[in-house]
Amino acid sequence: ARIGALLDVEAPTAIFAANNQLAEHAWHVLRRRGLRLPHDMSLVGFDDISWLEMVSPAITTVAQPTVEMGRRAARLLLRRIERPGSERVTEVLQPWLMPRPSSGPPAAS
């Protein structure tokens, strides 16, 4: 409902959905309103999942190295179990953009 309210007030050229549930909701709202991706509006999601490629047009997304994230989290957990007082560690993994047909430059006015 909030995406619909935004579209009633503003005229954005793109939506960046911070998670898969928001991306799916945005996709449904845009389709119900008859907006075409990317001609009328670009849509970019976060956290690549399979359905983003299965819709037409496929949704651009920011993907994360989820397998490596799990591997490192397990390694850190095992280390904390073995050495409870060990130093806390922060690891940063690089996400990447998966460009797909749902995004493009704004249409000419």
C-alpha atoms as a PDB file:
ATOM      1  CA  ALA A   1       0.000   0.000   0.000  1.00  0.00           C
ATOM      2  CA  ARG A   2       2.858   2.416   0.739  1.00  0.00           C
ATOM      3  CA  ILE A   3       4.339   1.995  -2.735  1.00  0.00           C
ATOM      4  CA  GLY A   4       0.957   2.808  -4.212  1.00  0.00           C
ATOM      5  CA  ALA A   5       0.708   5.901  -1.998  1.00  0.00           C
ATOM      6  CA  LEU A   6       4.166   7.012  -3.123  1.00  0.00           C
ATOM      7  CA  LEU A   7       3.136   6.654  -6.754  1.00  0.00           C
ATOM      8  CA  ASP A   8       0.002   8.737  -6.074  1.00  0.00           C
ATOM      9  CA  VAL A   9       2.045  11.658  -4.717  1.00  0.00           C
ATOM     10  CA  GLU A  10       5.455  11.478  -6.386  1.00  0.00           C
ATOM     11  CA  ALA A  11       6.651  10.625  -9.863  1.00  0.00           C
ATOM     12  CA  PRO A  12       9.760   8.537  -9.154  1.00  0.00           C
ATOM     13  CA  THR A  13      11.684   7.039 -12.049  1.00  0.00           C
ATOM     14  CA  ALA A  14      12.928   4.047 -10.046  1.00  0.00           C
ATOM     15  CA  ILE A  15      12.289   1.932  -6.982  1.00  0.00           C
ATOM     16  CA  PHE A  16      15.072   0.238  -5.032  1.00  0.00           C
ATOM     17  CA  ALA A  17      13.520  -2.480  -2.901  1.00  0.00           C
ATOM     18  CA  ALA A  18      15.665  -3.268   0.143  1.00  0.00           C
ATOM     19  CA  ASN A  19      14.572  -6.917   0.284  1.00  0.00           C
ATOM     20  CA  ASN A  20      12.803  -9.612  -1.732  1.00  0.00           C
ATOM     21  CA  GLN A  21       9.387  -9.089  -0.133  1.00  0.00           C
ATOM     22  CA  LEU A  22       9.441  -5.378  -1.001  1.00  0.00           C
ATOM     23  CA  ALA A  23      10.633  -6.109  -4.555  1.00  0.00           C
ATOM     24  CA  GLU A  24       7.781  -8.556  -5.067  1.00  0.00           C
ATOM     25  CA  HIS A  25       5.245  -6.099  -3.663  1.00  0.00           C
ATOM     26  CA  ALA A  26       6.586  -3.277  -5.849  1.00  0.00           C
ATOM     27  CA  TRP A  27       6.450  -5.522  -8.927  1.00  0.00           C
ATOM     28  CA  HIS A  28       2.772  -6.355  -8.241  1.00  0.00           C
ATOM     29  CA  VAL A  29       1.825  -2.707  -7.614  1.00  0.00           C
ATOM     30  CA  LEU A  30       3.563  -1.545 -10.793  1.00  0.00           C
ATOM     31  CA  ARG A  31       1.844  -4.246 -12.861  1.00  0.00           C
ATOM     32  CA  ARG A  32      -1.594  -3.452 -11.389  1.00  0.00           C
ATOM     33  CA  ARG A  33      -1.086   0.184 -12.347  1.00  0.00           C
ATOM     34  CA  GLY A  34      -0.090  -0.772 -15.890  1.00  0.00           C
ATOM     35  CA  LEU A  35       3.430   0.638 -15.554  1.00  0.00           C
ATOM     36  CA  ARG A  36       6.014  -0.943 -17.840  1.00  0.00           C
ATOM     37  CA  LEU A  37       9.496  -1.858 -16.664  1.00  0.00           C
ATOM     38  CA  PRO A  38      11.822  -0.121 -17.434  1.00  0.00           C
ATOM     39  CA  HIS A  39      10.037   2.328 -19.766  1.00  0.00           C
ATOM     40  CA  ASP A  40       7.800   3.866 -17.077  1.00  0.00           C
ATOM     41  CA  MET A  41       9.727   2.868 -13.975  1.00  0.00           C
ATOM     42  CA  SER A  42      12.914   0.966 -13.124  1.00  0.00           C
ATOM     43  CA  LEU A  43      12.854  -1.664 -10.381  1.00  0.00           C
ATOM     44  CA  VAL A  44      15.918  -2.959  -8.545  1.00  0.00           C
ATOM     45  CA  GLY A  45      15.789  -5.539  -5.771  1.00  0.00           C
ATOM     46  CA  PHE A  46      18.283  -6.669  -3.160  1.00  0.00           C
ATOM     47  CA  ASP A  47      19.321 -10.238  -2.434  1.00  0.00           C
ATOM     48  CA  ASP A  48      19.039 -12.104  -5.725  1.00  0.00           C
ATOM     49  CA  ILE A  49      16.551 -14.997  -5.659  1.00  0.00           C
ATOM     50  CA  SER A  50      15.299 -17.141  -8.524  1.00  0.00           C
ATOM     51  CA  TRP A  51      11.885 -15.509  -9.075  1.00  0.00           C
ATOM     52  CA  LEU A  52      13.595 -12.221 -10.006  1.00  0.00           C
ATOM     53  CA  GLU A  53      14.810 -13.879 -13.216  1.00  0.00           C
ATOM     54  CA  MET A  54      11.522 -15.658 -13.923  1.00  0.00           C
ATOM     55  CA  VAL A  55       9.273 -12.606 -14.341  1.00  0.00           C
ATOM     56  CA  SER A  56       9.161 -10.515 -17.464  1.00  0.00           C
ATOM     57  CA  PRO A  57      11.135  -8.381 -17.586  1.00  0.00           C
ATOM     58  CA  ALA A  58      13.627  -9.967 -15.214  1.00  0.00           C
ATOM     59  CA  ILE A  59      14.373  -7.778 -12.173  1.00  0.00           C
ATOM     60  CA  THR A  60      17.754  -6.098 -11.716  1.00  0.00           C
ATOM     61  CA  THR A  61      19.181  -6.930  -8.312  1.00  0.00           C
ATOM     62  CA  VAL A  62      22.079  -6.438  -5.952  1.00  0.00           C
ATOM     63  CA  ALA A  63      23.294  -9.952  -5.170  1.00  0.00           C
ATOM     64  CA  GLN A  64      25.227 -11.103  -2.152  1.00  0.00           C
ATOM     65  CA  PRO A  65      27.672 -14.007  -1.856  1.00  0.00           C
ATOM     66  CA  THR A  66      25.251 -15.944   0.359  1.00  0.00           C
ATOM     67  CA  VAL A  67      27.120 -19.263   0.256  1.00  0.00           C
ATOM     68  CA  GLU A  68      30.338 -17.578   1.336  1.00  0.00           C
ATOM     69  CA  MET A  69      28.432 -15.612   3.993  1.00  0.00           C
ATOM     70  CA  GLY A  70      27.128 -18.866   5.444  1.00  0.00           C
ATOM     71  CA  ARG A  71      30.524 -20.506   5.290  1.00  0.00           C
ATOM     72  CA  ARG A  72      32.192 -17.637   7.115  1.00  0.00           C
ATOM     73  CA  ALA A  73      29.409 -17.352   9.693  1.00  0.00           C
ATOM     74  CA  ALA A  74      29.728 -21.055  10.502  1.00  0.00           C
ATOM     75  CA  ARG A  75      33.497 -20.714  10.817  1.00  0.00           C
ATOM     76  CA  LEU A  76      33.125 -17.734  13.174  1.00  0.00           C
ATOM     77  CA  LEU A  77      30.490 -19.527  15.255  1.00  0.00           C
ATOM     78  CA  LEU A  78      32.692 -22.606  15.650  1.00  0.00           C
ATOM     79  CA  ARG A  79      35.573 -20.373  16.683  1.00  0.00           C
ATOM     80  CA  ARG A  80      33.405 -18.669  19.346  1.00  0.00           C
ATOM     81  CA  ILE A  81      32.234 -22.055  20.647  1.00  0.00           C
ATOM     82  CA  GLU A  82      35.826 -23.338  20.891  1.00  0.00           C
ATOM     83  CA  ARG A  83      37.162 -20.059  22.361  1.00  0.00           C
ATOM     84  CA  PRO A  84      34.257 -18.136  23.987  1.00  0.00           C
ATOM     85  CA  GLY A  85      36.459 -15.203  24.974  1.00  0.00           C
ATOM     86  CA  SER A  86      37.960 -14.757  21.546  1.00  0.00           C
ATOM     87  CA  GLU A  87      37.979 -11.365  19.901  1.00  0.00           C
ATOM     88  CA  ARG A  88      34.888 -10.396  17.894  1.00  0.00           C
ATOM     89  CA  VAL A  89      35.466 -10.303  14.172  1.00  0.00           C
ATOM     90  CA  THR A  90      33.727  -8.256  11.505  1.00  0.00           C
ATOM     91  CA  GLU A  91      33.959  -9.465   7.928  1.00  0.00           C
ATOM     92  CA  VAL A  92      32.763  -7.535   4.901  1.00  0.00           C
ATOM     93  CA  LEU A  93      31.865  -9.312   1.685  1.00  0.00           C
ATOM     94  CA  GLN A  94      31.320  -7.521  -1.599  1.00  0.00           C
ATOM     95  CA  PRO A  95      27.830  -7.538  -3.166  1.00  0.00           C
ATOM     96  CA  TRP A  96      27.491  -7.080  -6.923  1.00  0.00           C
ATOM     97  CA  LEU A  97      24.964  -5.652  -9.324  1.00  0.00           C
ATOM     98  CA  MET A  98      23.075  -8.095 -11.563  1.00  0.00           C
ATOM     99  CA  PRO A  99      21.706  -5.829 -14.334  1.00  0.00           C
ATOM    100  CA  ARG A 100      18.554  -7.171 -15.953  1.00  0.00           C
ATOM    101  CA  PRO A 101      15.873  -5.656 -18.216  1.00  0.00           C
ATOM    102  CA  SER A 102      13.788  -4.102 -15.376  1.00  0.00           C
ATOM    103  CA  SER A 103      16.102  -1.110 -15.106  1.00  0.00           C
ATOM    104  CA  GLY A 104      17.285   1.552 -17.466  1.00  0.00           C
ATOM    105  CA  PRO A 105      17.534   5.292 -17.908  1.00  0.00           C
ATOM    106  CA  PRO A 106      14.368   7.332 -17.266  1.00  0.00           C
ATOM    107  CA  ALA A 107      12.119   7.745 -20.278  1.00  0.00           C
ATOM    108  CA  ALA A 108      12.343  11.101 -22.052  1.00  0.00           C
ATOM    109  CA  SER A 109       9.672  13.511 -20.831  1.00  0.00           C
END
